[in-house]
C-alpha atoms as a PDB file:
ATOM      1  CA  UNK A   1     -13.171   2.957  -0.170  1.00  0.00           C
ATOM      2  CA  UNK A   2     -11.496  -0.203  -1.458  1.00  0.00           C
ATOM      3  CA  UNK A   3     -10.148  -2.968   0.779  1.00  0.00           C
ATOM      4  CA  UNK A   4      -6.466  -2.006   0.439  1.00  0.00           C
ATOM      5  CA  UNK A   5      -7.031   1.646   1.390  1.00  0.00           C
ATOM      6  CA  UNK A   6      -9.301   0.618   4.257  1.00  0.00           C
ATOM      7  CA  UNK A   7      -6.692  -1.849   5.606  1.00  0.00           C
ATOM      8  CA  UNK A   8      -3.945   0.805   5.298  1.00  0.00           C
ATOM      9  CA  UNK A   9      -6.166   3.315   7.102  1.00  0.00           C
ATOM     10  CA  UNK A  10      -6.885   0.896   9.935  1.00  0.00           C
ATOM     11  CA  UNK A  11      -3.158   0.178  10.365  1.00  0.00           C
ATOM     12  CA  UNK A  12      -2.444   3.902  10.844  1.00  0.00           C
ATOM     13  CA  UNK A  13      -5.244   5.139  13.097  1.00  0.00           C
ATOM     14  CA  UNK A  14      -7.226   2.070  14.148  1.00  0.00           C
ATOM     15  CA  UNK A  15     -10.340   3.502  12.495  1.00  0.00           C
ATOM     16  CA  UNK A  16     -12.249   3.004   9.269  1.00  0.00           C
ATOM     17  CA  UNK A  17     -14.797   5.162   7.503  1.00  0.00           C
ATOM     18  CA  UNK A  18     -14.846   8.869   6.720  1.00  0.00           C
ATOM     19  CA  UNK A  19     -13.776  10.139  10.154  1.00  0.00           C
ATOM     20  CA  UNK A  20     -10.715   7.886  10.197  1.00  0.00           C
ATOM     21  CA  UNK A  21      -9.905   8.684   6.570  1.00  0.00           C
ATOM     22  CA  UNK A  22      -9.843  12.466   7.080  1.00  0.00           C
ATOM     23  CA  UNK A  23      -7.904  12.186  10.327  1.00  0.00           C
ATOM     24  CA  UNK A  24      -5.225  10.016   8.710  1.00  0.00           C
ATOM     25  CA  UNK A  25      -5.174  11.892   5.418  1.00  0.00           C
ATOM     26  CA  UNK A  26      -4.403  15.246   7.041  1.00  0.00           C
ATOM     27  CA  UNK A  27      -2.280  14.086   9.971  1.00  0.00           C
ATOM     28  CA  UNK A  28      -0.307  11.031   8.791  1.00  0.00           C
ATOM     29  CA  UNK A  29       2.201  11.462   5.935  1.00  0.00           C
ATOM     30  CA  UNK A  30       2.641   7.716   5.381  1.00  0.00           C
ATOM     31  CA  UNK A  31      -1.076   7.165   4.866  1.00  0.00           C
ATOM     32  CA  UNK A  32      -1.369  10.168   2.559  1.00  0.00           C
ATOM     33  CA  UNK A  33       1.417   8.817   0.351  1.00  0.00           C
ATOM     34  CA  UNK A  34       0.002   5.277   0.346  1.00  0.00           C
ATOM     35  CA  UNK A  35      -3.451   6.576  -0.580  1.00  0.00           C
ATOM     36  CA  UNK A  36      -2.065   8.140  -3.760  1.00  0.00           C
ATOM     37  CA  UNK A  37       0.141   5.086  -4.383  1.00  0.00           C
ATOM     38  CA  UNK A  38      -2.941   2.820  -4.269  1.00  0.00           C
ATOM     39  CA  UNK A  39      -4.893   5.140  -6.571  1.00  0.00           C
ATOM     40  CA  UNK A  40      -2.079   5.347  -9.147  1.00  0.00           C
ATOM     41  CA  UNK A  41      -1.630   1.564  -9.073  1.00  0.00           C
ATOM     42  CA  UNK A  42      -5.303   1.002  -9.950  1.00  0.00           C
ATOM     43  CA  UNK A  43      -5.567   3.595 -12.755  1.00  0.00           C
ATOM     44  CA  UNK A  44      -4.963   2.923 -16.414  1.00  0.00           C
ATOM     45  CA  UNK A  45      -1.576   4.375 -17.294  1.00  0.00           C
ATOM     46  CA  UNK A  46      -1.597   7.884 -18.829  1.00  0.00           C
ATOM     47  CA  UNK A  47      -5.330   8.356 -18.161  1.00  0.00           C
ATOM     48  CA  UNK A  48      -6.543  11.643 -16.675  1.00  0.00           C
ATOM     49  CA  UNK A  49      -7.049  10.084 -13.237  1.00  0.00           C
ATOM     50  CA  UNK A  50      -3.580   8.458 -13.434  1.00  0.00           C
ATOM     51  CA  UNK A  51      -2.004  11.852 -14.184  1.00  0.00           C
ATOM     52  CA  UNK A  52      -3.876  13.458 -11.276  1.00  0.00           C
ATOM     53  CA  UNK A  53      -2.990  10.803  -8.687  1.00  0.00           C
ATOM     54  CA  UNK A  54       0.567  10.388 -10.002  1.00  0.00           C
ATOM     55  CA  UNK A  55       1.187  14.126  -9.598  1.00  0.00           C
ATOM     56  CA  UNK A  56       0.365  13.942  -5.874  1.00  0.00           C
ATOM     57  CA  UNK A  57       2.189  10.629  -5.371  1.00  0.00           C
ATOM     58  CA  UNK A  58       5.355  12.136  -6.864  1.00  0.00           C
ATOM     59  CA  UNK A  59       4.902  15.394  -4.951  1.00  0.00           C
ATOM     60  CA  UNK A  60       4.599  13.598  -1.609  1.00  0.00           C
ATOM     61  CA  UNK A  61       7.382  11.194  -2.575  1.00  0.00           C
ATOM     62  CA  UNK A  62       9.776  14.120  -2.945  1.00  0.00           C
ATOM     63  CA  UNK A  63       8.467  15.843   0.172  1.00  0.00           C
ATOM     64  CA  UNK A  64       8.755  12.788   2.446  1.00  0.00           C
ATOM     65  CA  UNK A  65      11.702  11.008   0.795  1.00  0.00           C
ATOM     66  CA  UNK A  66       9.815   7.942  -0.474  1.00  0.00           C
ATOM     67  CA  UNK A  67      10.888   6.299  -3.715  1.00  0.00           C
ATOM     68  CA  UNK A  68       8.289   3.595  -4.233  1.00  0.00           C
ATOM     69  CA  UNK A  69       7.371   3.045  -7.896  1.00  0.00           C
ATOM     70  CA  UNK A  70       3.746   2.200  -8.612  1.00  0.00           C
ATOM     71  CA  UNK A  71       4.903  -1.114 -10.137  1.00  0.00           C
ATOM     72  CA  UNK A  72       5.778  -2.492  -6.687  1.00  0.00           C
ATOM     73  CA  UNK A  73       3.249  -5.097  -5.549  1.00  0.00           C
ATOM     74  CA  UNK A  74       2.301  -4.163  -1.985  1.00  0.00           C
ATOM     75  CA  UNK A  75      -0.355  -6.051  -0.034  1.00  0.00           C
ATOM     76  CA  UNK A  76      -3.028  -4.391   2.053  1.00  0.00           C
ATOM     77  CA  UNK A  77      -2.200  -2.911   5.427  1.00  0.00           C
ATOM     78  CA  UNK A  78       1.190  -1.414   4.504  1.00  0.00           C
ATOM     79  CA  UNK A  79       2.495   0.893   7.246  1.00  0.00           C
ATOM     80  CA  UNK A  80       5.219   3.512   6.811  1.00  0.00           C
ATOM     81  CA  UNK A  81       6.392   4.333  10.330  1.00  0.00           C
ATOM     82  CA  UNK A  82       8.222   7.615   9.704  1.00  0.00           C
ATOM     83  CA  UNK A  83       8.905   9.778   6.743  1.00  0.00           C
ATOM     84  CA  UNK A  84      12.493   9.741   5.586  1.00  0.00           C
ATOM     85  CA  UNK A  85      14.383   7.961   2.864  1.00  0.00           C
ATOM     86  CA  UNK A  86      12.667   4.755   1.744  1.00  0.00           C
ATOM     87  CA  UNK A  87      13.786   3.185  -1.542  1.00  0.00           C
ATOM     88  CA  UNK A  88      12.034   0.151  -3.017  1.00  0.00           C
ATOM     89  CA  UNK A  89      12.870  -1.444  -6.367  1.00  0.00           C
ATOM     90  CA  UNK A  90       9.930  -1.469  -8.783  1.00  0.00           C
ATOM     91  CA  UNK A  91      10.036  -5.255  -9.233  1.00  0.00           C
ATOM     92  CA  UNK A  92       9.820  -6.084  -5.519  1.00  0.00           C
ATOM     93  CA  UNK A  93       6.833  -7.790  -3.915  1.00  0.00           C
ATOM     94  CA  UNK A  94       5.679  -7.071  -0.374  1.00  0.00           C
ATOM     95  CA  UNK A  95       2.952  -9.007   1.450  1.00  0.00           C
ATOM     96  CA  UNK A  96       0.102  -7.916   3.693  1.00  0.00           C
ATOM     97  CA  UNK A  97       0.413  -6.025   6.998  1.00  0.00           C
ATOM     98  CA  UNK A  98       4.078  -5.083   6.694  1.00  0.00           C
ATOM     99  CA  UNK A  99       5.786  -2.206   8.512  1.00  0.00           C
ATOM    100  CA  UNK A 100       8.681  -0.241   7.084  1.00  0.00           C
ATOM    101  CA  UNK A 101      10.760   2.373   8.890  1.00  0.00           C
ATOM    102  CA  UNK A 102      12.901   5.199   7.520  1.00  0.00           C
ATOM    103  CA  UNK A 103      16.213   4.640   5.716  1.00  0.00           C
ATOM    104  CA  UNK A 104      15.138   1.211   4.444  1.00  0.00           C
ATOM    105  CA  UNK A 105      16.284  -0.002   1.031  1.00  0.00           C
ATOM    106  CA  UNK A 106      14.716  -2.928  -0.789  1.00  0.00           C
ATOM    107  CA  UNK A 107      16.844  -3.400  -3.867  1.00  0.00           C
ATOM    108  CA  UNK A 108      18.082  -5.500  -6.728  1.00  0.00           C
ATOM    109  CA  UNK A 109      21.246  -7.542  -7.168  1.00  0.00           C
ATOM    110  CA  UNK A 110      22.477  -7.782 -10.746  1.00  0.00           C
ATOM    111  CA  UNK A 111      24.713 -10.838 -10.531  1.00  0.00           C
ATOM    112  CA  UNK A 112      25.468 -13.952  -8.546  1.00  0.00           C
ATOM    113  CA  UNK A 113      23.383 -16.646  -6.948  1.00  0.00           C
ATOM    114  CA  UNK A 114      20.693 -14.247  -5.702  1.00  0.00           C
ATOM    115  CA  UNK A 115      20.306 -12.107  -8.815  1.00  0.00           C
ATOM    116  CA  UNK A 116      16.946 -10.268  -8.788  1.00  0.00           C
ATOM    117  CA  UNK A 117      14.651  -8.517  -6.308  1.00  0.00           C
ATOM    118  CA  UNK A 118      13.195  -9.594  -2.947  1.00  0.00           C
ATOM    119  CA  UNK A 119       9.818 -11.178  -2.307  1.00  0.00           C
ATOM    120  CA  UNK A 120       8.666 -10.305   1.198  1.00  0.00           C
ATOM    121  CA  UNK A 121       5.935 -12.276   2.985  1.00  0.00           C
ATOM    122  CA  UNK A 122       3.083 -11.158   5.243  1.00  0.00           C
ATOM    123  CA  UNK A 123       3.515  -9.533   8.674  1.00  0.00           C
ATOM    124  CA  UNK A 124       7.125  -8.441   8.229  1.00  0.00           C
ATOM    125  CA  UNK A 125       8.575  -5.598  10.289  1.00  0.00           C
ATOM    126  CA  UNK A 126      11.574  -3.859   8.664  1.00  0.00           C
ATOM    127  CA  UNK A 127      13.579  -1.719  11.077  1.00  0.00           C
ATOM    128  CA  UNK A 128      15.382   1.555  10.526  1.00  0.00           C
ATOM    129  CA  UNK A 129      18.343   1.354   8.151  1.00  0.00           C
ATOM    130  CA  UNK A 130      17.616  -2.192   6.964  1.00  0.00           C
ATOM    131  CA  UNK A 131      18.907  -3.184   3.551  1.00  0.00           C
ATOM    132  CA  UNK A 132      17.173  -6.092   1.806  1.00  0.00           C
ATOM    133  CA  UNK A 133      18.712  -7.008  -1.553  1.00  0.00           C
ATOM    134  CA  UNK A 134      18.727  -9.753  -4.134  1.00  0.00           C
ATOM    135  CA  UNK A 135      16.365 -12.381  -5.447  1.00  0.00           C
ATOM    136  CA  UNK A 136      15.635 -13.627  -1.967  1.00  0.00           C
ATOM    137  CA  UNK A 137      12.500 -14.711  -0.184  1.00  0.00           C
ATOM    138  CA  UNK A 138      11.591 -13.326   3.226  1.00  0.00           C
ATOM    139  CA  UNK A 139       9.020 -15.518   4.976  1.00  0.00           C
ATOM    140  CA  UNK A 140       5.968 -14.403   6.937  1.00  0.00           C
ATOM    141  CA  UNK A 141       6.088 -13.230  10.571  1.00  0.00           C
ATOM    142  CA  UNK A 142       9.658 -11.966  10.340  1.00  0.00           C
ATOM    143  CA  UNK A 143      11.265  -9.097  12.246  1.00  0.00           C
ATOM    144  CA  UNK A 144      14.257  -7.511  10.528  1.00  0.00           C
ATOM    145  CA  UNK A 145      16.188  -5.613  13.182  1.00  0.00           C
ATOM    146  CA  UNK A 146      17.443  -2.059  12.554  1.00  0.00           C
ATOM    147  CA  UNK A 147      20.617  -1.751  10.455  1.00  0.00           C
ATOM    148  CA  UNK A 148      20.481  -5.348   9.238  1.00  0.00           C
ATOM    149  CA  UNK A 149      21.818  -6.329   5.823  1.00  0.00           C
ATOM    150  CA  UNK A 150      19.715  -9.164   4.403  1.00  0.00           C
ATOM    151  CA  UNK A 151      20.899 -10.928   1.251  1.00  0.00           C
ATOM    152  CA  UNK A 152      19.875 -14.528   1.978  1.00  0.00           C
ATOM    153  CA  UNK A 153      16.531 -16.320   2.219  1.00  0.00           C
ATOM    154  CA  UNK A 154      14.764 -15.982   5.564  1.00  0.00           C
ATOM    155  CA  UNK A 155      12.302 -18.639   6.788  1.00  0.00           C
ATOM    156  CA  UNK A 156       8.945 -17.900   8.447  1.00  0.00           C
ATOM    157  CA  UNK A 157       8.894 -16.918  12.136  1.00  0.00           C
ATOM    158  CA  UNK A 158      12.404 -15.526  12.330  1.00  0.00           C
ATOM    159  CA  UNK A 159      14.312 -12.644  13.810  1.00  0.00           C
ATOM    160  CA  UNK A 160      17.034 -11.223  11.535  1.00  0.00           C
ATOM    161  CA  UNK A 161      19.915  -9.385  13.191  1.00  0.00           C
ATOM    162  CA  UNK A 162      23.121  -7.718  12.038  1.00  0.00           C
ATOM    163  CA  UNK A 163      25.485  -7.322   9.132  1.00  0.00           C
ATOM    164  CA  UNK A 164      26.088  -9.999   7.894  1.00  0.00           C
ATOM    165  CA  UNK A 165      22.668 -11.126   8.980  1.00  0.00           C
ATOM    166  CA  UNK A 166      22.103 -13.807  11.535  1.00  0.00           C
ATOM    167  CA  UNK A 167      18.746 -15.603  11.519  1.00  0.00           C
ATOM    168  CA  UNK A 168      17.254 -16.555  14.874  1.00  0.00           C
ATOM    169  CA  UNK A 169      14.115 -18.732  14.860  1.00  0.00           C
ATOM    170  CA  UNK A 170      11.474 -17.182  17.111  1.00  0.00           C
ATOM    171  CA  UNK A 171       7.830 -18.179  17.571  1.00  0.00           C
ATOM    172  CA  UNK A 172       6.238 -14.719  17.360  1.00  0.00           C
ATOM    173  CA  UNK A 173       8.912 -12.105  16.587  1.00  0.00           C
ATOM    174  CA  UNK A 174       6.497  -9.339  15.493  1.00  0.00           C
ATOM    175  CA  UNK A 175       4.264  -9.434  18.567  1.00  0.00           C
ATOM    176  CA  UNK A 176       3.757  -5.856  19.710  1.00  0.00           C
ATOM    177  CA  UNK A 177       5.345  -4.439  16.560  1.00  0.00           C
ATOM    178  CA  UNK A 178       2.580  -4.989  14.006  1.00  0.00           C
ATOM    179  CA  UNK A 179      -0.709  -3.633  15.357  1.00  0.00           C
ATOM    180  CA  UNK A 180      -4.216  -2.799  14.080  1.00  0.00           C
ATOM    181  CA  UNK A 181      -4.681  -5.573  11.534  1.00  0.00           C
ATOM    182  CA  UNK A 182      -8.048  -5.422   9.749  1.00  0.00           C
ATOM    183  CA  UNK A 183      -9.687  -8.859   9.625  1.00  0.00           C
END
């Protein structure tokens, strides 16, 4: 088991190894999807193994409502809290140990000052219904509250609230929200 899959597994069930893998694989939809996402991302495109893993990634993507292209750069320890619509632009970058809830969109802006796709730091919690768009940078240790619209840069150690978003500096905003981090 590679480091990324092991870190994802630990985030979901707090276990590593075969027992934790089978428990998460059969009981946790988010882990099952991320397992196939990680496998597809590591395979050479159009190879036999890529076709196999891509089939299941697409199948579970339709079943659970996840639209996460394999071109997205996602760090280890990614946690999908609930299945339901999640849309991420293929050019986005997401750091380590991030949580994402249902109805979250991470998208692209095609014009203006923040043209492009977001770069999200480590230990970021994205709440239900959040929309993160544009060529912006989200720092590390950031909590994005549910139903927030984020289209500006966010510094480290911040709490983001509302539409339009308001940034509140906070020392440890993700405490209690991001658990089971594999060292």
